[in-house]
């Protein structure tokens, strides 16, 4: 096997572990401070420790896992004050990129946002099993926000903000929001519709304010 093939294989294994642990983190299967048993994860996924540790390092870089000497890997722990600072920073960033999107987007691009919002509304009353709805909502929600990011045509802002989405979902799933889908999502869906209205009207100030409020309130109710 060539060096290139081996690197590709190892990268695939690392990505598999990364996705596995990430899903557990943002679904609430791991609680803050809980140890992530590297040998157990490796055995469960049929891989060696090396790709598991590579995945842990990647998750550590994203502030989702903390690697502590003499202890090992644990699900990240933050103070309430740290989370409050983070939500303000994140809300400001999403509000800014929404404003920039309105300044740069074509009419056709703006038209493409509404169906993504409606897809989230349809999910609420769909026959999808209740246990599967939170994950599907996250997927559809990210499509909505990613479309706004693309309209902004600002790759550096897109990369920086997208990197925070998983951390936001981790907060929601680990701080008392286990029933967020049933309690907060219907409200969040309506907020998405209002954001669409403001963007379609090209009212940048209103859209920016609505997005900032929408993101801030997700930390209270658990959906964005």
C-alpha atoms as a PDB file:
ATOM      1  CA  UNK A   1       0.000   0.000   0.000  1.00  0.00           C
ATOM      2  CA  UNK A   2       1.379   3.412  -0.928  1.00  0.00           C
ATOM      3  CA  UNK A   3       1.951   6.173   1.626  1.00  0.00           C
ATOM      4  CA  UNK A   4      -0.854   8.158  -0.003  1.00  0.00           C
ATOM      5  CA  UNK A   5      -3.285   5.232   0.273  1.00  0.00           C
ATOM      6  CA  UNK A   6      -2.360   4.665   3.907  1.00  0.00           C
ATOM      7  CA  UNK A   7      -2.891   8.345   4.721  1.00  0.00           C
ATOM      8  CA  UNK A   8      -6.273   8.268   2.999  1.00  0.00           C
ATOM      9  CA  UNK A   9      -7.276   5.147   4.942  1.00  0.00           C
ATOM     10  CA  UNK A  10      -6.196   6.672   8.274  1.00  0.00           C
ATOM     11  CA  UNK A  11      -8.013   9.892   7.426  1.00  0.00           C
ATOM     12  CA  UNK A  12     -11.185   7.929   6.729  1.00  0.00           C
ATOM     13  CA  UNK A  13     -10.950   6.139  10.068  1.00  0.00           C
ATOM     14  CA  UNK A  14     -10.329   9.390  11.910  1.00  0.00           C
ATOM     15  CA  UNK A  15     -13.346  10.982  10.246  1.00  0.00           C
ATOM     16  CA  UNK A  16     -15.505   7.981  11.195  1.00  0.00           C
ATOM     17  CA  UNK A  17     -14.493   8.332  14.843  1.00  0.00           C
ATOM     18  CA  UNK A  18     -14.934  12.109  14.716  1.00  0.00           C
ATOM     19  CA  UNK A  19     -18.505  11.848  13.395  1.00  0.00           C
ATOM     20  CA  UNK A  20     -19.353   9.124  15.915  1.00  0.00           C
ATOM     21  CA  UNK A  21     -18.135  11.074  18.949  1.00  0.00           C
ATOM     22  CA  UNK A  22     -19.492  14.386  17.627  1.00  0.00           C
ATOM     23  CA  UNK A  23     -22.997  12.947  17.288  1.00  0.00           C
ATOM     24  CA  UNK A  24     -22.855  11.682  20.864  1.00  0.00           C
ATOM     25  CA  UNK A  25     -21.670  15.060  22.110  1.00  0.00           C
ATOM     26  CA  UNK A  26     -24.323  17.147  20.362  1.00  0.00           C
ATOM     27  CA  UNK A  27     -27.103  14.664  21.106  1.00  0.00           C
ATOM     28  CA  UNK A  28     -26.413  14.769  24.848  1.00  0.00           C
ATOM     29  CA  UNK A  29     -25.130  11.198  25.142  1.00  0.00           C
ATOM     30  CA  UNK A  30     -22.001  12.613  26.801  1.00  0.00           C
ATOM     31  CA  UNK A  31     -22.323  15.081  29.644  1.00  0.00           C
ATOM     32  CA  UNK A  32     -19.768  17.829  30.420  1.00  0.00           C
ATOM     33  CA  UNK A  33     -16.807  16.367  32.272  1.00  0.00           C
ATOM     34  CA  UNK A  34     -17.640  12.790  31.325  1.00  0.00           C
ATOM     35  CA  UNK A  35     -14.586  10.771  30.369  1.00  0.00           C
ATOM     36  CA  UNK A  36     -14.432   9.521  26.804  1.00  0.00           C
ATOM     37  CA  UNK A  37     -12.906   6.055  27.001  1.00  0.00           C
ATOM     38  CA  UNK A  38     -10.500   5.847  24.057  1.00  0.00           C
ATOM     39  CA  UNK A  39      -9.970   2.044  24.133  1.00  0.00           C
ATOM     40  CA  UNK A  40     -13.735   1.452  24.296  1.00  0.00           C
ATOM     41  CA  UNK A  41     -14.414   3.802  21.392  1.00  0.00           C
ATOM     42  CA  UNK A  42     -11.661   2.155  19.347  1.00  0.00           C
ATOM     43  CA  UNK A  43     -13.080  -1.309  20.052  1.00  0.00           C
ATOM     44  CA  UNK A  44     -16.652  -0.249  19.279  1.00  0.00           C
ATOM     45  CA  UNK A  45     -15.619   1.157  15.905  1.00  0.00           C
ATOM     46  CA  UNK A  46     -13.139  -1.584  15.071  1.00  0.00           C
ATOM     47  CA  UNK A  47     -10.141   0.677  14.844  1.00  0.00           C
ATOM     48  CA  UNK A  48      -6.897   1.410  16.671  1.00  0.00           C
ATOM     49  CA  UNK A  49      -6.231   4.117  19.247  1.00  0.00           C
ATOM     50  CA  UNK A  50      -4.405   6.337  16.758  1.00  0.00           C
ATOM     51  CA  UNK A  51      -7.442   7.503  14.713  1.00  0.00           C
ATOM     52  CA  UNK A  52      -9.417   7.882  17.943  1.00  0.00           C
ATOM     53  CA  UNK A  53      -6.798  10.207  19.388  1.00  0.00           C
ATOM     54  CA  UNK A  54      -6.575  12.086  16.094  1.00  0.00           C
ATOM     55  CA  UNK A  55     -10.341  12.618  16.239  1.00  0.00           C
ATOM     56  CA  UNK A  56     -10.112  13.703  19.865  1.00  0.00           C
ATOM     57  CA  UNK A  57      -7.473  16.268  18.946  1.00  0.00           C
ATOM     58  CA  UNK A  58      -9.747  17.624  16.211  1.00  0.00           C
ATOM     59  CA  UNK A  59     -12.651  17.856  18.661  1.00  0.00           C
ATOM     60  CA  UNK A  60     -10.330  19.523  21.161  1.00  0.00           C
ATOM     61  CA  UNK A  61      -9.426  22.131  18.548  1.00  0.00           C
ATOM     62  CA  UNK A  62     -13.165  22.837  18.266  1.00  0.00           C
ATOM     63  CA  UNK A  63     -13.515  23.153  22.072  1.00  0.00           C
ATOM     64  CA  UNK A  64     -15.820  20.138  22.286  1.00  0.00           C
ATOM     65  CA  UNK A  65     -13.352  17.856  24.070  1.00  0.00           C
ATOM     66  CA  UNK A  66     -10.700  18.641  26.646  1.00  0.00           C
ATOM     67  CA  UNK A  67      -7.536  16.515  26.742  1.00  0.00           C
ATOM     68  CA  UNK A  68      -6.244  16.547  30.318  1.00  0.00           C
ATOM     69  CA  UNK A  69      -2.822  15.113  31.244  1.00  0.00           C
ATOM     70  CA  UNK A  70      -3.034  12.107  33.578  1.00  0.00           C
ATOM     71  CA  UNK A  71      -6.790  12.043  33.116  1.00  0.00           C
ATOM     72  CA  UNK A  72      -7.507  11.596  29.423  1.00  0.00           C
ATOM     73  CA  UNK A  73     -10.227  12.957  27.177  1.00  0.00           C
ATOM     74  CA  UNK A  74     -13.403  14.441  28.656  1.00  0.00           C
ATOM     75  CA  UNK A  75     -16.443  16.185  27.237  1.00  0.00           C
ATOM     76  CA  UNK A  76     -15.786  19.906  27.481  1.00  0.00           C
ATOM     77  CA  UNK A  77     -16.722  21.814  30.619  1.00  0.00           C
ATOM     78  CA  UNK A  78     -17.409  25.553  30.611  1.00  0.00           C
ATOM     79  CA  UNK A  79     -18.688  27.963  33.207  1.00  0.00           C
ATOM     80  CA  UNK A  80     -22.036  29.673  32.743  1.00  0.00           C
ATOM     81  CA  UNK A  81     -20.189  32.969  32.278  1.00  0.00           C
ATOM     82  CA  UNK A  82     -18.135  31.484  29.445  1.00  0.00           C
ATOM     83  CA  UNK A  83     -21.304  30.299  27.720  1.00  0.00           C
ATOM     84  CA  UNK A  84     -22.913  33.719  28.114  1.00  0.00           C
ATOM     85  CA  UNK A  85     -19.900  35.358  26.471  1.00  0.00           C
ATOM     86  CA  UNK A  86     -19.937  32.751  23.712  1.00  0.00           C
ATOM     87  CA  UNK A  87     -23.605  33.227  22.877  1.00  0.00           C
ATOM     88  CA  UNK A  88     -23.143  36.988  22.555  1.00  0.00           C
ATOM     89  CA  UNK A  89     -20.175  36.494  20.238  1.00  0.00           C
ATOM     90  CA  UNK A  90     -21.954  33.891  18.128  1.00  0.00           C
ATOM     91  CA  UNK A  91     -25.171  35.912  17.880  1.00  0.00           C
ATOM     92  CA  UNK A  92     -23.251  38.990  16.747  1.00  0.00           C
ATOM     93  CA  UNK A  93     -21.449  36.990  14.070  1.00  0.00           C
ATOM     94  CA  UNK A  94     -24.602  35.402  12.659  1.00  0.00           C
ATOM     95  CA  UNK A  95     -26.325  38.800  12.691  1.00  0.00           C
ATOM     96  CA  UNK A  96     -23.442  40.396  10.806  1.00  0.00           C
ATOM     97  CA  UNK A  97     -23.261  37.736   8.109  1.00  0.00           C
ATOM     98  CA  UNK A  98     -27.024  38.071   7.621  1.00  0.00           C
ATOM     99  CA  UNK A  99     -26.626  41.796   7.005  1.00  0.00           C
ATOM    100  CA  UNK A 100     -23.782  41.166   4.557  1.00  0.00           C
ATOM    101  CA  UNK A 101     -25.881  38.537   2.775  1.00  0.00           C
ATOM    102  CA  UNK A 102     -28.618  41.075   2.092  1.00  0.00           C
ATOM    103  CA  UNK A 103     -26.060  43.502   0.698  1.00  0.00           C
ATOM    104  CA  UNK A 104     -24.633  40.942  -1.743  1.00  0.00           C
ATOM    105  CA  UNK A 105     -27.350  38.400  -2.549  1.00  0.00           C
ATOM    106  CA  UNK A 106     -29.146  38.160  -5.868  1.00  0.00           C
ATOM    107  CA  UNK A 107     -32.945  38.044  -5.935  1.00  0.00           C
ATOM    108  CA  UNK A 108     -32.751  34.409  -7.030  1.00  0.00           C
ATOM    109  CA  UNK A 109     -30.583  33.501  -4.053  1.00  0.00           C
ATOM    110  CA  UNK A 110     -32.992  35.183  -1.678  1.00  0.00           C
ATOM    111  CA  UNK A 111     -35.901  33.245  -3.178  1.00  0.00           C
ATOM    112  CA  UNK A 112     -34.047  30.034  -2.378  1.00  0.00           C
ATOM    113  CA  UNK A 113     -34.133  30.698   1.371  1.00  0.00           C
ATOM    114  CA  UNK A 114     -37.876  30.398   1.946  1.00  0.00           C
ATOM    115  CA  UNK A 115     -38.169  26.701   0.943  1.00  0.00           C
ATOM    116  CA  UNK A 116     -35.434  25.850   3.446  1.00  0.00           C
ATOM    117  CA  UNK A 117     -37.435  27.539   6.191  1.00  0.00           C
ATOM    118  CA  UNK A 118     -40.610  25.762   5.132  1.00  0.00           C
ATOM    119  CA  UNK A 119     -38.790  22.410   5.248  1.00  0.00           C
ATOM    120  CA  UNK A 120     -38.257  22.956   8.975  1.00  0.00           C
ATOM    121  CA  UNK A 121     -41.930  23.821   9.471  1.00  0.00           C
ATOM    122  CA  UNK A 122     -42.947  20.636   7.663  1.00  0.00           C
ATOM    123  CA  UNK A 123     -40.699  18.566   9.916  1.00  0.00           C
ATOM    124  CA  UNK A 124     -42.621  19.562  13.050  1.00  0.00           C
ATOM    125  CA  UNK A 125     -45.788  17.821  11.844  1.00  0.00           C
ATOM    126  CA  UNK A 126     -44.103  15.059   9.843  1.00  0.00           C
ATOM    127  CA  UNK A 127     -44.476  11.347  10.631  1.00  0.00           C
ATOM    128  CA  UNK A 128     -40.765  10.962  11.269  1.00  0.00           C
ATOM    129  CA  UNK A 129     -40.207   9.186  14.620  1.00  0.00           C
ATOM    130  CA  UNK A 130     -39.903  11.694  17.445  1.00  0.00           C
ATOM    131  CA  UNK A 131     -36.469  10.365  18.393  1.00  0.00           C
ATOM    132  CA  UNK A 132     -35.164  11.183  14.904  1.00  0.00           C
ATOM    133  CA  UNK A 133     -36.603  14.691  14.646  1.00  0.00           C
ATOM    134  CA  UNK A 134     -33.942  16.615  16.618  1.00  0.00           C
ATOM    135  CA  UNK A 135     -31.116  15.340  14.405  1.00  0.00           C
ATOM    136  CA  UNK A 136     -33.124  15.995  11.225  1.00  0.00           C
ATOM    137  CA  UNK A 137     -33.952  19.469  12.477  1.00  0.00           C
ATOM    138  CA  UNK A 138     -30.248  20.207  13.013  1.00  0.00           C
ATOM    139  CA  UNK A 139     -29.550  19.147   9.428  1.00  0.00           C
ATOM    140  CA  UNK A 140     -32.334  21.289   7.959  1.00  0.00           C
ATOM    141  CA  UNK A 141     -31.486  24.199  10.224  1.00  0.00           C
ATOM    142  CA  UNK A 142     -27.863  24.152   9.111  1.00  0.00           C
ATOM    143  CA  UNK A 143     -28.975  24.190   5.474  1.00  0.00           C
ATOM    144  CA  UNK A 144     -30.986  27.331   6.202  1.00  0.00           C
ATOM    145  CA  UNK A 145     -28.138  29.167   7.891  1.00  0.00           C
ATOM    146  CA  UNK A 146     -25.577  27.871   5.379  1.00  0.00           C
ATOM    147  CA  UNK A 147     -27.642  29.393   2.569  1.00  0.00           C
ATOM    148  CA  UNK A 148     -27.423  32.773   4.283  1.00  0.00           C
ATOM    149  CA  UNK A 149     -23.669  32.285   4.660  1.00  0.00           C
ATOM    150  CA  UNK A 150     -23.307  31.513   0.954  1.00  0.00           C
ATOM    151  CA  UNK A 151     -25.274  34.624   0.021  1.00  0.00           C
ATOM    152  CA  UNK A 152     -22.773  36.718   2.003  1.00  0.00           C
ATOM    153  CA  UNK A 153     -19.859  35.522  -0.176  1.00  0.00           C
ATOM    154  CA  UNK A 154     -17.464  35.861   2.739  1.00  0.00           C
ATOM    155  CA  UNK A 155     -15.549  32.568   3.033  1.00  0.00           C
ATOM    156  CA  UNK A 156     -13.590  33.588   6.114  1.00  0.00           C
ATOM    157  CA  UNK A 157     -16.729  34.556   8.061  1.00  0.00           C
ATOM    158  CA  UNK A 158     -18.455  31.404   6.839  1.00  0.00           C
ATOM    159  CA  UNK A 159     -15.641  29.156   8.075  1.00  0.00           C
ATOM    160  CA  UNK A 160     -15.353  30.862  11.445  1.00  0.00           C
ATOM    161  CA  UNK A 161     -19.088  30.854  12.184  1.00  0.00           C
ATOM    162  CA  UNK A 162     -19.785  27.365  10.831  1.00  0.00           C
ATOM    163  CA  UNK A 163     -17.085  26.045  13.160  1.00  0.00           C
ATOM    164  CA  UNK A 164     -19.196  27.283  16.087  1.00  0.00           C
ATOM    165  CA  UNK A 165     -22.408  25.447  15.139  1.00  0.00           C
ATOM    166  CA  UNK A 166     -21.428  22.144  16.749  1.00  0.00           C
ATOM    167  CA  UNK A 167     -20.405  23.910  19.951  1.00  0.00           C
ATOM    168  CA  UNK A 168     -23.794  25.610  20.031  1.00  0.00           C
ATOM    169  CA  UNK A 169     -25.614  22.285  19.622  1.00  0.00           C
ATOM    170  CA  UNK A 170     -23.447  20.811  22.381  1.00  0.00           C
ATOM    171  CA  UNK A 171     -24.559  23.568  24.735  1.00  0.00           C
ATOM    172  CA  UNK A 172     -28.219  23.065  23.859  1.00  0.00           C
ATOM    173  CA  UNK A 173     -28.105  19.300  24.406  1.00  0.00           C
ATOM    174  CA  UNK A 174     -26.205  19.391  27.696  1.00  0.00           C
ATOM    175  CA  UNK A 175     -27.744  22.263  29.642  1.00  0.00           C
ATOM    176  CA  UNK A 176     -31.272  21.183  30.376  1.00  0.00           C
ATOM    177  CA  UNK A 177     -32.704  21.337  26.856  1.00  0.00           C
ATOM    178  CA  UNK A 178     -33.533  17.664  26.366  1.00  0.00           C
ATOM    179  CA  UNK A 179     -37.075  18.590  25.302  1.00  0.00           C
ATOM    180  CA  UNK A 180     -35.996  21.487  23.120  1.00  0.00           C
ATOM    181  CA  UNK A 181     -37.493  20.053  19.953  1.00  0.00           C
ATOM    182  CA  UNK A 182     -41.033  20.031  21.279  1.00  0.00           C
ATOM    183  CA  UNK A 183     -40.841  23.274  23.252  1.00  0.00           C
ATOM    184  CA  UNK A 184     -38.625  25.654  21.302  1.00  0.00           C
ATOM    185  CA  UNK A 185     -38.614  24.514  17.673  1.00  0.00           C
ATOM    186  CA  UNK A 186     -42.131  25.749  16.746  1.00  0.00           C
ATOM    187  CA  UNK A 187     -41.097  29.217  17.941  1.00  0.00           C
ATOM    188  CA  UNK A 188     -37.762  29.004  16.128  1.00  0.00           C
ATOM    189  CA  UNK A 189     -39.568  28.037  12.921  1.00  0.00           C
ATOM    190  CA  UNK A 190     -41.657  31.207  13.104  1.00  0.00           C
ATOM    191  CA  UNK A 191     -38.527  33.242  13.761  1.00  0.00           C
ATOM    192  CA  UNK A 192     -36.973  31.780  10.608  1.00  0.00           C
ATOM    193  CA  UNK A 193     -40.047  32.896   8.668  1.00  0.00           C
ATOM    194  CA  UNK A 194     -39.715  36.432  10.042  1.00  0.00           C
ATOM    195  CA  UNK A 195     -36.043  36.477   9.085  1.00  0.00           C
ATOM    196  CA  UNK A 196     -37.024  35.397   5.563  1.00  0.00           C
ATOM    197  CA  UNK A 197     -39.555  38.255   5.411  1.00  0.00           C
ATOM    198  CA  UNK A 198     -36.907  40.800   6.382  1.00  0.00           C
ATOM    199  CA  UNK A 199     -34.349  39.417   3.933  1.00  0.00           C
ATOM    200  CA  UNK A 200     -36.867  39.380   1.082  1.00  0.00           C
ATOM    201  CA  UNK A 201     -37.662  43.025   1.874  1.00  0.00           C
ATOM    202  CA  UNK A 202     -33.889  43.681   1.922  1.00  0.00           C
ATOM    203  CA  UNK A 203     -34.280  45.316   5.305  1.00  0.00           C
ATOM    204  CA  UNK A 204     -30.764  44.701   6.585  1.00  0.00           C
ATOM    205  CA  UNK A 205     -31.218  46.393   9.948  1.00  0.00           C
ATOM    206  CA  UNK A 206     -34.369  44.422  10.751  1.00  0.00           C
ATOM    207  CA  UNK A 207     -32.906  41.111   9.548  1.00  0.00           C
ATOM    208  CA  UNK A 208     -29.755  41.653  11.582  1.00  0.00           C
ATOM    209  CA  UNK A 209     -31.761  42.403  14.718  1.00  0.00           C
ATOM    210  CA  UNK A 210     -34.063  39.413  14.208  1.00  0.00           C
ATOM    211  CA  UNK A 211     -31.132  37.056  13.676  1.00  0.00           C
ATOM    212  CA  UNK A 212     -29.290  38.274  16.758  1.00  0.00           C
ATOM    213  CA  UNK A 213     -32.419  37.882  18.913  1.00  0.00           C
ATOM    214  CA  UNK A 214     -33.088  34.462  17.366  1.00  0.00           C
ATOM    215  CA  UNK A 215     -29.611  33.184  18.222  1.00  0.00           C
ATOM    216  CA  UNK A 216     -29.608  34.628  21.744  1.00  0.00           C
ATOM    217  CA  UNK A 217     -32.938  33.025  22.529  1.00  0.00           C
ATOM    218  CA  UNK A 218     -31.817  29.628  21.308  1.00  0.00           C
ATOM    219  CA  UNK A 219     -29.564  29.410  24.376  1.00  0.00           C
ATOM    220  CA  UNK A 220     -32.628  29.899  26.533  1.00  0.00           C
ATOM    221  CA  UNK A 221     -34.954  27.536  24.657  1.00  0.00           C
ATOM    222  CA  UNK A 222     -32.640  25.200  22.790  1.00  0.00           C
ATOM    223  CA  UNK A 223     -33.206  25.521  19.020  1.00  0.00           C
ATOM    224  CA  UNK A 224     -31.868  27.745  16.297  1.00  0.00           C
END
